[in-house]
């Protein structure tokens, strides 16, 4: 598995041709990470809407939990790339300007999708 920096991934994604009727949509859910479980609700909803696959970013430290959920929902989970992301401080109480975190770029696909 090739390890990419987020900038490299963004560069690759910018080279993808656009479609009038896309089969893939990349979107960031608009919640803060401290809302427990919101990412799984968002992911499950995406899987219910998807026809072929869902791509998602998750902290590498949560990989086992994400795999457990994928197994529970009967979808295949594949880590496509391991990335490093420089997460800037977003609140005044954050002590560091930024934190470097490990992130998995994950593809979820049908064993059966949740439709």
PDB file of N, CA and C in Angstrom:
ATOM      1  N   UNK A   1       0.842  -1.167   0.000  1.00  0.00           N
ATOM      2  CA  UNK A   1       0.000   0.000   0.000  1.00  0.00           C
ATOM      3  C   UNK A   1       0.892   1.236   0.000  1.00  0.00           C
ATOM      4  N   UNK A   2       0.642   2.127  -0.933  1.00  0.00           N
ATOM      5  CA  UNK A   2       1.426   3.352  -1.018  1.00  0.00           C
ATOM      6  C   UNK A   2       0.927   4.361   0.005  1.00  0.00           C
ATOM      7  N   UNK A   3       1.843   4.976   0.735  1.00  0.00           N
ATOM      8  CA  UNK A   3       1.472   6.030   1.674  1.00  0.00           C
ATOM      9  C   UNK A   3       1.535   7.361   0.947  1.00  0.00           C
ATOM     10  N   UNK A   4       0.426   8.094   0.965  1.00  0.00           N
ATOM     11  CA  UNK A   4       0.337   9.390   0.307  1.00  0.00           C
ATOM     12  C   UNK A   4       0.161  10.483   1.338  1.00  0.00           C
ATOM     13  N   UNK A   5       0.682  11.643   1.036  1.00  0.00           N
ATOM     14  CA  UNK A   5       0.364  12.814   1.838  1.00  0.00           C
ATOM     15  C   UNK A   5      -0.953  13.355   1.288  1.00  0.00           C
ATOM     16  N   UNK A   6      -1.710  14.048   2.128  1.00  0.00           N
ATOM     17  CA  UNK A   6      -3.015  14.544   1.715  1.00  0.00           C
ATOM     18  C   UNK A   6      -2.903  15.420   0.468  1.00  0.00           C
ATOM     19  N   UNK A   7      -1.869  16.223   0.383  1.00  0.00           N
ATOM     20  CA  UNK A   7      -1.672  17.083  -0.803  1.00  0.00           C
ATOM     21  C   UNK A   7      -1.525  16.232  -2.067  1.00  0.00           C
ATOM     22  N   UNK A   8      -0.823  15.088  -1.957  1.00  0.00           N
ATOM     23  CA  UNK A   8      -0.670  14.193  -3.110  1.00  0.00           C
ATOM     24  C   UNK A   8      -2.020  13.611  -3.522  1.00  0.00           C
ATOM     25  N   UNK A   9      -2.823  13.202  -2.534  1.00  0.00           N
ATOM     26  CA  UNK A   9      -4.153  12.674  -2.824  1.00  0.00           C
ATOM     27  C   UNK A   9      -5.014  13.740  -3.485  1.00  0.00           C
ATOM     28  N   UNK A  10      -4.997  14.960  -2.938  1.00  0.00           N
ATOM     29  CA  UNK A  10      -5.772  16.051  -3.527  1.00  0.00           C
ATOM     30  C   UNK A  10      -5.350  16.282  -4.969  1.00  0.00           C
ATOM     31  N   UNK A  11      -4.060  16.228  -5.241  1.00  0.00           N
ATOM     32  CA  UNK A  11      -3.547  16.408  -6.587  1.00  0.00           C
ATOM     33  C   UNK A  11      -4.078  15.316  -7.519  1.00  0.00           C
ATOM     34  N   UNK A  12      -4.065  14.078  -7.049  1.00  0.00           N
ATOM     35  CA  UNK A  12      -4.594  12.971  -7.860  1.00  0.00           C
ATOM     36  C   UNK A  12      -6.082  13.152  -8.138  1.00  0.00           C
ATOM     37  N   UNK A  13      -6.828  13.548  -7.120  1.00  0.00           N
ATOM     38  CA  UNK A  13      -8.270  13.712  -7.294  1.00  0.00           C
ATOM     39  C   UNK A  13      -8.602  14.862  -8.233  1.00  0.00           C
ATOM     40  N   UNK A  14      -7.766  15.902  -8.272  1.00  0.00           N
ATOM     41  CA  UNK A  14      -7.999  17.031  -9.172  1.00  0.00           C
ATOM     42  C   UNK A  14      -7.795  16.648 -10.628  1.00  0.00           C
ATOM     43  N   UNK A  15      -7.055  15.575 -10.881  1.00  0.00           N
ATOM     44  CA  UNK A  15      -6.809  15.132 -12.243  1.00  0.00           C
ATOM     45  C   UNK A  15      -7.929  14.257 -12.794  1.00  0.00           C
ATOM     46  N   UNK A  16      -8.893  13.898 -11.944  1.00  0.00           N
ATOM     47  CA  UNK A  16     -10.009  13.067 -12.378  1.00  0.00           C
ATOM     48  C   UNK A  16     -10.957  13.906 -13.221  1.00  0.00           C
ATOM     49  N   UNK A  17     -11.352  13.365 -14.373  1.00  0.00           N
ATOM     50  CA  UNK A  17     -12.306  14.064 -15.243  1.00  0.00           C
ATOM     51  C   UNK A  17     -13.656  14.187 -14.544  1.00  0.00           C
ATOM     52  N   UNK A  18     -14.381  15.253 -14.837  1.00  0.00           N
ATOM     53  CA  UNK A  18     -15.699  15.440 -14.253  1.00  0.00           C
ATOM     54  C   UNK A  18     -16.758  14.743 -15.101  1.00  0.00           C
ATOM     55  N   UNK A  19     -17.859  14.394 -14.481  1.00  0.00           N
ATOM     56  CA  UNK A  19     -18.966  13.720 -15.153  1.00  0.00           C
ATOM     57  C   UNK A  19     -20.226  14.535 -14.977  1.00  0.00           C
ATOM     58  N   UNK A  20     -21.117  14.462 -15.964  1.00  0.00           N
ATOM     59  CA  UNK A  20     -22.403  15.154 -15.826  1.00  0.00           C
ATOM     60  C   UNK A  20     -23.259  14.461 -14.778  1.00  0.00           C
ATOM     61  N   UNK A  21     -23.200  13.141 -14.745  1.00  0.00           N
ATOM     62  CA  UNK A  21     -23.936  12.353 -13.749  1.00  0.00           C
ATOM     63  C   UNK A  21     -22.928  11.515 -12.969  1.00  0.00           C
ATOM     64  N   UNK A  22     -22.298  12.100 -11.957  1.00  0.00           N
ATOM     65  CA  UNK A  22     -21.236  11.374 -11.256  1.00  0.00           C
ATOM     66  C   UNK A  22     -21.741  10.127 -10.545  1.00  0.00           C
ATOM     67  N   UNK A  23     -20.898   9.115 -10.525  1.00  0.00           N
ATOM     68  CA  UNK A  23     -21.188   7.895  -9.784  1.00  0.00           C
ATOM     69  C   UNK A  23     -20.505   7.925  -8.423  1.00  0.00           C
ATOM     70  N   UNK A  24     -19.708   8.952  -8.204  1.00  0.00           N
ATOM     71  CA  UNK A  24     -18.947   9.084  -6.971  1.00  0.00           C
ATOM     72  C   UNK A  24     -19.059  10.507  -6.471  1.00  0.00           C
ATOM     73  N   UNK A  25     -19.309  10.656  -5.203  1.00  0.00           N
ATOM     74  CA  UNK A  25     -19.389  11.972  -4.602  1.00  0.00           C
ATOM     75  C   UNK A  25     -18.510  11.975  -3.360  1.00  0.00           C
ATOM     76  N   UNK A  26     -17.571  12.900  -3.307  1.00  0.00           N
ATOM     77  CA  UNK A  26     -16.742  13.067  -2.115  1.00  0.00           C
ATOM     78  C   UNK A  26     -17.278  14.258  -1.343  1.00  0.00           C
ATOM     79  N   UNK A  27     -17.537  14.047  -0.079  1.00  0.00           N
ATOM     80  CA  UNK A  27     -18.123  15.108   0.721  1.00  0.00           C
ATOM     81  C   UNK A  27     -17.659  14.970   2.162  1.00  0.00           C
ATOM     82  N   UNK A  28     -17.464  16.091   2.803  1.00  0.00           N
ATOM     83  CA  UNK A  28     -17.083  16.085   4.204  1.00  0.00           C
ATOM     84  C   UNK A  28     -18.331  16.360   5.026  1.00  0.00           C
ATOM     85  N   UNK A  29     -18.557  15.523   6.023  1.00  0.00           N
ATOM     86  CA  UNK A  29     -19.730  15.771   6.858  1.00  0.00           C
ATOM     87  C   UNK A  29     -19.463  16.969   7.755  1.00  0.00           C
ATOM     88  N   UNK A  30     -20.475  17.813   7.931  1.00  0.00           N
ATOM     89  CA  UNK A  30     -20.275  19.104   8.614  1.00  0.00           C
ATOM     90  C   UNK A  30     -20.426  19.051  10.129  1.00  0.00           C
ATOM     91  N   UNK A  31     -19.779  18.100  10.770  1.00  0.00           N
ATOM     92  CA  UNK A  31     -19.877  18.023  12.226  1.00  0.00           C
ATOM     93  C   UNK A  31     -18.491  18.079  12.838  1.00  0.00           C
ATOM     94  N   UNK A  32     -18.444  18.415  14.072  1.00  0.00           N
ATOM     95  CA  UNK A  32     -17.175  18.418  14.790  1.00  0.00           C
ATOM     96  C   UNK A  32     -16.900  16.995  15.278  1.00  0.00           C
ATOM     97  N   UNK A  33     -15.638  16.628  15.410  1.00  0.00           N
ATOM     98  CA  UNK A  33     -15.318  15.248  15.790  1.00  0.00           C
ATOM     99  C   UNK A  33     -15.762  14.860  17.187  1.00  0.00           C
ATOM    100  N   UNK A  34     -16.062  15.834  18.040  1.00  0.00           N
ATOM    101  CA  UNK A  34     -16.438  15.473  19.408  1.00  0.00           C
ATOM    102  C   UNK A  34     -17.901  15.067  19.541  1.00  0.00           C
ATOM    103  N   UNK A  35     -18.668  15.065  18.454  1.00  0.00           N
ATOM    104  CA  UNK A  35     -20.047  14.578  18.509  1.00  0.00           C
ATOM    105  C   UNK A  35     -19.983  13.072  18.289  1.00  0.00           C
ATOM    106  N   UNK A  36     -20.022  12.330  19.372  1.00  0.00           N
ATOM    107  CA  UNK A  36     -19.789  10.890  19.339  1.00  0.00           C
ATOM    108  C   UNK A  36     -20.751  10.175  18.408  1.00  0.00           C
ATOM    109  N   UNK A  37     -20.186   9.365  17.510  1.00  0.00           N
ATOM    110  CA  UNK A  37     -20.986   8.527  16.636  1.00  0.00           C
ATOM    111  C   UNK A  37     -21.533   9.186  15.387  1.00  0.00           C
ATOM    112  N   UNK A  38     -21.387  10.495  15.249  1.00  0.00           N
ATOM    113  CA  UNK A  38     -21.951  11.182  14.098  1.00  0.00           C
ATOM    114  C   UNK A  38     -21.310  10.709  12.798  1.00  0.00           C
ATOM    115  N   UNK A  39     -20.008  10.409  12.835  1.00  0.00           N
ATOM    116  CA  UNK A  39     -19.345   9.939  11.618  1.00  0.00           C
ATOM    117  C   UNK A  39     -19.922   8.612  11.148  1.00  0.00           C
ATOM    118  N   UNK A  40     -20.297   7.726  12.070  1.00  0.00           N
ATOM    119  CA  UNK A  40     -20.873   6.436  11.689  1.00  0.00           C
ATOM    120  C   UNK A  40     -22.287   6.596  11.144  1.00  0.00           C
ATOM    121  N   UNK A  41     -23.045   7.542  11.679  1.00  0.00           N
ATOM    122  CA  UNK A  41     -24.384   7.824  11.149  1.00  0.00           C
ATOM    123  C   UNK A  41     -24.262   8.351   9.718  1.00  0.00           C
ATOM    124  N   UNK A  42     -23.323   9.248   9.503  1.00  0.00           N
ATOM    125  CA  UNK A  42     -23.087   9.810   8.174  1.00  0.00           C
ATOM    126  C   UNK A  42     -22.650   8.717   7.202  1.00  0.00           C
ATOM    127  N   UNK A  43     -21.722   7.854   7.631  1.00  0.00           N
ATOM    128  CA  UNK A  43     -21.231   6.776   6.776  1.00  0.00           C
ATOM    129  C   UNK A  43     -22.346   5.794   6.433  1.00  0.00           C
ATOM    130  N   UNK A  44     -23.140   5.410   7.407  1.00  0.00           N
ATOM    131  CA  UNK A  44     -24.232   4.464   7.153  1.00  0.00           C
ATOM    132  C   UNK A  44     -25.237   5.049   6.176  1.00  0.00           C
ATOM    133  N   UNK A  45     -25.529   6.333   6.307  1.00  0.00           N
ATOM    134  CA  UNK A  45     -26.441   7.005   5.376  1.00  0.00           C
ATOM    135  C   UNK A  45     -25.859   7.003   3.967  1.00  0.00           C
ATOM    136  N   UNK A  46     -24.565   7.288   3.847  1.00  0.00           N
ATOM    137  CA  UNK A  46     -23.904   7.262   2.533  1.00  0.00           C
ATOM    138  C   UNK A  46     -23.992   5.873   1.920  1.00  0.00           C
ATOM    139  N   UNK A  47     -23.793   4.839   2.722  1.00  0.00           N
ATOM    140  CA  UNK A  47     -23.873   3.467   2.230  1.00  0.00           C
ATOM    141  C   UNK A  47     -25.287   3.113   1.781  1.00  0.00           C
ATOM    142  N   UNK A  48     -26.291   3.667   2.445  1.00  0.00           N
ATOM    143  CA  UNK A  48     -27.677   3.423   2.043  1.00  0.00           C
ATOM    144  C   UNK A  48     -27.996   4.104   0.707  1.00  0.00           C
ATOM    145  N   UNK A  49     -27.315   5.212   0.424  1.00  0.00           N
ATOM    146  CA  UNK A  49     -27.558   5.960  -0.804  1.00  0.00           C
ATOM    147  C   UNK A  49     -26.716   5.466  -1.979  1.00  0.00           C
ATOM    148  N   UNK A  50     -25.598   4.823  -1.695  1.00  0.00           N
ATOM    149  CA  UNK A  50     -24.633   4.450  -2.730  1.00  0.00           C
ATOM    150  C   UNK A  50     -25.121   3.281  -3.579  1.00  0.00           C
ATOM    151  N   UNK A  51     -24.668   3.298  -4.836  1.00  0.00           N
ATOM    152  CA  UNK A  51     -24.970   2.186  -5.728  1.00  0.00           C
ATOM    153  C   UNK A  51     -23.779   1.240  -5.848  1.00  0.00           C
ATOM    154  N   UNK A  52     -22.562   1.779  -5.743  1.00  0.00           N
ATOM    155  CA  UNK A  52     -21.384   0.922  -5.907  1.00  0.00           C
ATOM    156  C   UNK A  52     -20.387   1.027  -4.761  1.00  0.00           C
ATOM    157  N   UNK A  53     -20.043   2.255  -4.347  1.00  0.00           N
ATOM    158  CA  UNK A  53     -19.002   2.396  -3.327  1.00  0.00           C
ATOM    159  C   UNK A  53     -19.108   3.737  -2.618  1.00  0.00           C
ATOM    160  N   UNK A  54     -18.500   3.776  -1.439  1.00  0.00           N
ATOM    161  CA  UNK A  54     -18.378   5.007  -0.660  1.00  0.00           C
ATOM    162  C   UNK A  54     -16.908   5.129  -0.265  1.00  0.00           C
ATOM    163  N   UNK A  55     -16.351   6.323  -0.428  1.00  0.00           N
ATOM    164  CA  UNK A  55     -14.977   6.604  -0.038  1.00  0.00           C
ATOM    165  C   UNK A  55     -15.009   7.539   1.156  1.00  0.00           C
ATOM    166  N   UNK A  56     -14.143   7.274   2.131  1.00  0.00           N
ATOM    167  CA  UNK A  56     -14.197   8.041   3.364  1.00  0.00           C
ATOM    168  C   UNK A  56     -12.811   8.134   3.996  1.00  0.00           C
ATOM    169  N   UNK A  57     -12.587   9.198   4.759  1.00  0.00           N
ATOM    170  CA  UNK A  57     -11.351   9.379   5.524  1.00  0.00           C
ATOM    171  C   UNK A  57     -11.650   9.140   7.003  1.00  0.00           C
ATOM    172  N   UNK A  58     -10.782   8.363   7.645  1.00  0.00           N
ATOM    173  CA  UNK A  58     -10.935   8.065   9.070  1.00  0.00           C
ATOM    174  C   UNK A  58      -9.566   8.035   9.732  1.00  0.00           C
ATOM    175  N   UNK A  59      -9.508   8.450  10.982  1.00  0.00           N
ATOM    176  CA  UNK A  59      -8.246   8.347  11.717  1.00  0.00           C
ATOM    177  C   UNK A  59      -7.816   6.885  11.760  1.00  0.00           C
ATOM    178  N   UNK A  60      -6.545   6.651  11.488  1.00  0.00           N
ATOM    179  CA  UNK A  60      -6.007   5.292  11.476  1.00  0.00           C
ATOM    180  C   UNK A  60      -6.246   4.597  12.815  1.00  0.00           C
ATOM    181  N   UNK A  61      -6.191   5.336  13.893  1.00  0.00           N
ATOM    182  CA  UNK A  61      -6.388   4.750  15.226  1.00  0.00           C
ATOM    183  C   UNK A  61      -7.789   4.157  15.406  1.00  0.00           C
ATOM    184  N   UNK A  62      -8.736   4.508  14.536  1.00  0.00           N
ATOM    185  CA  UNK A  62     -10.104   3.976  14.646  1.00  0.00           C
ATOM    186  C   UNK A  62     -10.363   2.836  13.654  1.00  0.00           C
ATOM    187  N   UNK A  63      -9.323   2.357  12.973  1.00  0.00           N
ATOM    188  CA  UNK A  63      -9.504   1.365  11.899  1.00  0.00           C
ATOM    189  C   UNK A  63     -10.255   0.115  12.367  1.00  0.00           C
ATOM    190  N   UNK A  64      -9.907  -0.417  13.528  1.00  0.00           N
ATOM    191  CA  UNK A  64     -10.580  -1.636  14.015  1.00  0.00           C
ATOM    192  C   UNK A  64     -12.073  -1.382  14.237  1.00  0.00           C
ATOM    193  N   UNK A  65     -12.413  -0.231  14.787  1.00  0.00           N
ATOM    194  CA  UNK A  65     -13.818   0.104  15.013  1.00  0.00           C
ATOM    195  C   UNK A  65     -14.563   0.237  13.681  1.00  0.00           C
ATOM    196  N   UNK A  66     -13.933   0.899  12.713  1.00  0.00           N
ATOM    197  CA  UNK A  66     -14.558   1.078  11.400  1.00  0.00           C
ATOM    198  C   UNK A  66     -14.751  -0.289  10.739  1.00  0.00           C
ATOM    199  N   UNK A  67     -13.751  -1.174  10.847  1.00  0.00           N
ATOM    200  CA  UNK A  67     -13.862  -2.520  10.273  1.00  0.00           C
ATOM    201  C   UNK A  67     -14.996  -3.299  10.934  1.00  0.00           C
ATOM    202  N   UNK A  68     -15.127  -3.158  12.245  1.00  0.00           N
ATOM    203  CA  UNK A  68     -16.207  -3.835  12.974  1.00  0.00           C
ATOM    204  C   UNK A  68     -17.568  -3.383  12.456  1.00  0.00           C
ATOM    205  N   UNK A  69     -17.717  -2.073  12.228  1.00  0.00           N
ATOM    206  CA  UNK A  69     -18.977  -1.542  11.696  1.00  0.00           C
ATOM    207  C   UNK A  69     -19.223  -2.044  10.274  1.00  0.00           C
ATOM    208  N   UNK A  70     -18.176  -2.065   9.445  1.00  0.00           N
ATOM    209  CA  UNK A  70     -18.316  -2.560   8.068  1.00  0.00           C
ATOM    210  C   UNK A  70     -18.771  -4.023   8.079  1.00  0.00           C
ATOM    211  N   UNK A  71     -18.186  -4.830   8.953  1.00  0.00           N
ATOM    212  CA  UNK A  71     -18.592  -6.233   9.080  1.00  0.00           C
ATOM    213  C   UNK A  71     -20.047  -6.332   9.524  1.00  0.00           C
ATOM    214  N   UNK A  72     -20.414  -5.512  10.497  1.00  0.00           N
ATOM    215  CA  UNK A  72     -21.786  -5.495  11.021  1.00  0.00           C
ATOM    216  C   UNK A  72     -22.782  -5.116   9.917  1.00  0.00           C
ATOM    217  N   UNK A  73     -22.405  -4.160   9.075  1.00  0.00           N
ATOM    218  CA  UNK A  73     -23.282  -3.700   7.991  1.00  0.00           C
ATOM    219  C   UNK A  73     -23.144  -4.546   6.725  1.00  0.00           C
ATOM    220  N   UNK A  74     -22.262  -5.543   6.767  1.00  0.00           N
ATOM    221  CA  UNK A  74     -22.024  -6.449   5.644  1.00  0.00           C
ATOM    222  C   UNK A  74     -21.567  -5.717   4.382  1.00  0.00           C
ATOM    223  N   UNK A  75     -20.595  -4.811   4.557  1.00  0.00           N
ATOM    224  CA  UNK A  75     -19.954  -4.152   3.422  1.00  0.00           C
ATOM    225  C   UNK A  75     -18.461  -4.410   3.505  1.00  0.00           C
ATOM    226  N   UNK A  76     -17.820  -4.433   2.348  1.00  0.00           N
ATOM    227  CA  UNK A  76     -16.376  -4.646   2.288  1.00  0.00           C
ATOM    228  C   UNK A  76     -15.666  -3.332   2.566  1.00  0.00           C
ATOM    229  N   UNK A  77     -14.639  -3.382   3.399  1.00  0.00           N
ATOM    230  CA  UNK A  77     -13.843  -2.196   3.712  1.00  0.00           C
ATOM    231  C   UNK A  77     -12.410  -2.423   3.250  1.00  0.00           C
ATOM    232  N   UNK A  78     -11.880  -1.498   2.476  1.00  0.00           N
ATOM    233  CA  UNK A  78     -10.511  -1.608   1.975  1.00  0.00           C
ATOM    234  C   UNK A  78      -9.789  -0.292   2.214  1.00  0.00           C
ATOM    235  N   UNK A  79      -8.654  -0.349   2.917  1.00  0.00           N
ATOM    236  CA  UNK A  79      -7.835   0.849   3.117  1.00  0.00           C
ATOM    237  C   UNK A  79      -7.025   1.046   1.844  1.00  0.00           C
ATOM    238  N   UNK A  80      -7.312   2.122   1.123  1.00  0.00           N
ATOM    239  CA  UNK A  80      -6.654   2.399  -0.150  1.00  0.00           C
ATOM    240  C   UNK A  80      -5.311   3.082   0.065  1.00  0.00           C
ATOM    241  N   UNK A  81      -5.263   3.995   1.031  1.00  0.00           N
ATOM    242  CA  UNK A  81      -4.019   4.716   1.295  1.00  0.00           C
ATOM    243  C   UNK A  81      -3.973   5.133   2.755  1.00  0.00           C
ATOM    244  N   UNK A  82      -2.763   5.162   3.287  1.00  0.00           N
ATOM    245  CA  UNK A  82      -2.526   5.689   4.627  1.00  0.00           C
ATOM    246  C   UNK A  82      -1.915   7.072   4.444  1.00  0.00           C
ATOM    247  N   UNK A  83      -2.544   8.067   5.015  1.00  0.00           N
ATOM    248  CA  UNK A  83      -2.141   9.456   4.809  1.00  0.00           C
ATOM    249  C   UNK A  83      -1.716  10.086   6.122  1.00  0.00           C
ATOM    250  N   UNK A  84      -1.005  11.173   6.020  1.00  0.00           N
ATOM    251  CA  UNK A  84      -0.698  12.019   7.178  1.00  0.00           C
ATOM    252  C   UNK A  84      -1.356  13.358   6.904  1.00  0.00           C
ATOM    253  N   UNK A  85      -2.073  13.855   7.888  1.00  0.00           N
ATOM    254  CA  UNK A  85      -2.826  15.092   7.719  1.00  0.00           C
ATOM    255  C   UNK A  85      -2.419  16.074   8.806  1.00  0.00           C
ATOM    256  N   UNK A  86      -2.096  17.283   8.404  1.00  0.00           N
ATOM    257  CA  UNK A  86      -1.756  18.336   9.353  1.00  0.00           C
ATOM    258  C   UNK A  86      -3.051  19.051   9.724  1.00  0.00           C
ATOM    259  N   UNK A  87      -3.579  18.734  10.886  1.00  0.00           N
ATOM    260  CA  UNK A  87      -4.854  19.269  11.344  1.00  0.00           C
ATOM    261  C   UNK A  87      -4.617  20.567  12.104  1.00  0.00           C
ATOM    262  N   UNK A  88      -5.052  21.699  11.549  1.00  0.00           N
ATOM    263  CA  UNK A  88      -4.825  22.977  12.235  1.00  0.00           C
ATOM    264  C   UNK A  88      -5.730  23.138  13.455  1.00  0.00           C
ATOM    265  N   UNK A  89      -5.274  23.911  14.422  1.00  0.00           N
ATOM    266  CA  UNK A  89      -6.081  24.212  15.604  1.00  0.00           C
ATOM    267  C   UNK A  89      -7.346  24.936  15.161  1.00  0.00           C
ATOM    268  N   UNK A  90      -8.483  24.545  15.734  1.00  0.00           N
ATOM    269  CA  UNK A  90      -9.736  25.179  15.335  1.00  0.00           C
ATOM    270  C   UNK A  90     -10.464  25.852  16.506  1.00  0.00           C
ATOM    271  N   UNK A  91      -9.938  25.707  17.691  1.00  0.00           N
ATOM    272  CA  UNK A  91     -10.541  26.331  18.863  1.00  0.00           C
ATOM    273  C   UNK A  91      -9.466  27.076  19.653  1.00  0.00           C
ATOM    274  N   UNK A  92      -9.862  28.101  20.383  1.00  0.00           N
ATOM    275  CA  UNK A  92      -8.920  28.885  21.170  1.00  0.00           C
ATOM    276  C   UNK A  92      -8.225  28.054  22.244  1.00  0.00           C
ATOM    277  N   UNK A  93      -8.906  27.039  22.767  1.00  0.00           N
ATOM    278  CA  UNK A  93      -8.311  26.246  23.829  1.00  0.00           C
ATOM    279  C   UNK A  93      -7.276  25.236  23.330  1.00  0.00           C
ATOM    280  N   UNK A  94      -7.162  25.044  22.020  1.00  0.00           N
ATOM    281  CA  UNK A  94      -6.120  24.155  21.492  1.00  0.00           C
ATOM    282  C   UNK A  94      -4.754  24.757  21.783  1.00  0.00           C
ATOM    283  N   UNK A  95      -3.867  23.947  22.318  1.00  0.00           N
ATOM    284  CA  UNK A  95      -2.556  24.441  22.746  1.00  0.00           C
ATOM    285  C   UNK A  95      -1.534  24.478  21.612  1.00  0.00           C
ATOM    286  N   UNK A  96      -1.700  23.628  20.607  1.00  0.00           N
ATOM    287  CA  UNK A  96      -0.769  23.576  19.480  1.00  0.00           C
ATOM    288  C   UNK A  96      -1.397  24.219  18.250  1.00  0.00           C
ATOM    289  N   UNK A  97      -0.558  24.794  17.392  1.00  0.00           N
ATOM    290  CA  UNK A  97      -1.059  25.396  16.150  1.00  0.00           C
ATOM    291  C   UNK A  97      -1.647  24.350  15.221  1.00  0.00           C
ATOM    292  N   UNK A  98      -1.047  23.164  15.251  1.00  0.00           N
ATOM    293  CA  UNK A  98      -1.553  22.061  14.439  1.00  0.00           C
ATOM    294  C   UNK A  98      -1.054  20.740  15.016  1.00  0.00           C
ATOM    295  N   UNK A  99      -1.723  19.661  14.607  1.00  0.00           N
ATOM    296  CA  UNK A  99      -1.346  18.321  15.032  1.00  0.00           C
ATOM    297  C   UNK A  99      -1.299  17.444  13.780  1.00  0.00           C
ATOM    298  N   UNK A 100      -0.237  16.670  13.647  1.00  0.00           N
ATOM    299  CA  UNK A 100      -0.087  15.755  12.526  1.00  0.00           C
ATOM    300  C   UNK A 100      -0.760  14.436  12.900  1.00  0.00           C
ATOM    301  N   UNK A 101      -1.788  14.020  12.134  1.00  0.00           N
ATOM    302  CA  UNK A 101      -2.496  12.784  12.451  1.00  0.00           C
ATOM    303  C   UNK A 101      -2.407  11.802  11.282  1.00  0.00           C
ATOM    304  N   UNK A 102      -2.506  10.517  11.595  1.00  0.00           N
ATOM    305  CA  UNK A 102      -2.534   9.477  10.580  1.00  0.00           C
ATOM    306  C   UNK A 102      -3.981   9.216  10.207  1.00  0.00           C
ATOM    307  N   UNK A 103      -4.231   9.156   8.892  1.00  0.00           N
ATOM    308  CA  UNK A 103      -5.586   9.006   8.373  1.00  0.00           C
ATOM    309  C   UNK A 103      -5.613   7.896   7.333  1.00  0.00           C
ATOM    310  N   UNK A 104      -6.671   7.094   7.329  1.00  0.00           N
ATOM    311  CA  UNK A 104      -6.890   6.078   6.304  1.00  0.00           C
ATOM    312  C   UNK A 104      -7.873   6.613   5.267  1.00  0.00           C
ATOM    313  N   UNK A 105      -7.551   6.436   3.989  1.00  0.00           N
ATOM    314  CA  UNK A 105      -8.496   6.702   2.895  1.00  0.00           C
ATOM    315  C   UNK A 105      -9.113   5.341   2.588  1.00  0.00           C
ATOM    316  N   UNK A 106     -10.419   5.192   2.852  1.00  0.00           N
ATOM    317  CA  UNK A 106     -11.082   3.899   2.849  1.00  0.00           C
ATOM    318  C   UNK A 106     -12.139   3.834   1.744  1.00  0.00           C
ATOM    319  N   UNK A 107     -12.225   2.665   1.117  1.00  0.00           N
ATOM    320  CA  UNK A 107     -13.286   2.390   0.141  1.00  0.00           C
ATOM    321  C   UNK A 107     -14.192   1.311   0.725  1.00  0.00           C
ATOM    322  N   UNK A 108     -15.462   1.618   0.787  1.00  0.00           N
ATOM    323  CA  UNK A 108     -16.468   0.656   1.215  1.00  0.00           C
ATOM    324  C   UNK A 108     -17.215   0.227  -0.047  1.00  0.00           C
ATOM    325  N   UNK A 109     -17.388  -1.073  -0.235  1.00  0.00           N
ATOM    326  CA  UNK A 109     -18.092  -1.556  -1.419  1.00  0.00           C
ATOM    327  C   UNK A 109     -18.998  -2.716  -1.042  1.00  0.00           C
ATOM    328  N   UNK A 110     -19.799  -3.099  -2.013  1.00  0.00           N
ATOM    329  CA  UNK A 110     -20.849  -4.066  -1.747  1.00  0.00           C
ATOM    330  C   UNK A 110     -20.315  -5.467  -1.502  1.00  0.00           C
ATOM    331  N   UNK A 111     -20.582  -5.996  -0.348  1.00  0.00           N
ATOM    332  CA  UNK A 111     -20.849  -7.412  -0.192  1.00  0.00           C
ATOM    333  C   UNK A 111     -22.329  -7.401  -0.556  1.00  0.00           C
ATOM    334  N   UNK A 112     -23.012  -6.470   0.089  1.00  0.00           N
ATOM    335  CA  UNK A 112     -24.313  -5.984  -0.326  1.00  0.00           C
ATOM    336  C   UNK A 112     -24.346  -4.561   0.234  1.00  0.00           C
ATOM    337  N   UNK A 113     -24.785  -3.602  -0.541  1.00  0.00           N
ATOM    338  CA  UNK A 113     -24.913  -2.260   0.011  1.00  0.00           C
ATOM    339  C   UNK A 113     -26.202  -2.187   0.808  1.00  0.00           C
ATOM    340  N   UNK A 114     -26.357  -1.173   1.592  1.00  0.00           N
ATOM    341  CA  UNK A 114     -27.461  -1.118   2.558  1.00  0.00           C
ATOM    342  C   UNK A 114     -28.793  -0.674   1.973  1.00  0.00           C
ATOM    343  N   UNK A 115     -28.953  -0.762   0.664  1.00  0.00           N
ATOM    344  CA  UNK A 115     -30.215  -0.321   0.020  1.00  0.00           C
ATOM    345  C   UNK A 115     -31.355  -1.245   0.329  1.00  0.00           C
TER     346      UNK A 115
END
